[in-house]
Amino acid sequence: MNLPTELQCSSTRCEMTFIIMPQHLNALDSVFGGQVMAWIDVCAGVSAQRFARGIVVTASMDQLSFRAPIRKGQVAVLRSQVNWAGATSMEVGVRVEAEDVVTGERVHTSTAYLTMVALDQGFKPRQVPTLLPQSPTELRRFTDAEHRRKMRLQLRERDRTKLQRQ
């Protein structure tokens, strides 16, 4: 099977919607944060698999802040796409919105950036295609993702240094 060597960001897009059901709700009638995190992971995984054309795993999720709740009676809408890709890993951005089904109004509730790694059949990291951002927005996301990656690597090195000193 010939896998593509280059892919556009747009070919990795995923949109998922979830009707908020009683099992998703906490005591305040808003969706559990852990449920939102699980949905984010699944949505990002679909985008990453579309890009890598195979098995992927989540390596990390950047800080997740909840800007607004998703309430009973609303619909959760998640949109994701690959923003950046290296040799074996990629950053996937996910935006979560709460939609009022009566008015159609959407409110941004959270954003997350996940690092996903492509794996081969032996569960070892494998090469991913080259990502080709096309639009100004995709180019901005690519550049922003490169900056976030540098920050992640700096934090990882700082943490390694701290552990070695202990």
Foldseek 3Di string as FASTA:
>chain_A
DDDDQEDEQVQLKDKDKDQDDPVQQDPVQFGDPVVVVVVQLVRQQSSVCSFQVADKDWPDKPDKDFPDTAGHQWMKMKMKTWLEDDFFKTKMKIWIWTANPVPRDIDTTIIMIIIMGGADPVRDGGGTHHYDYDDPVSVVSNVVVVVVVVVVVVVVVVVVVVVVVD
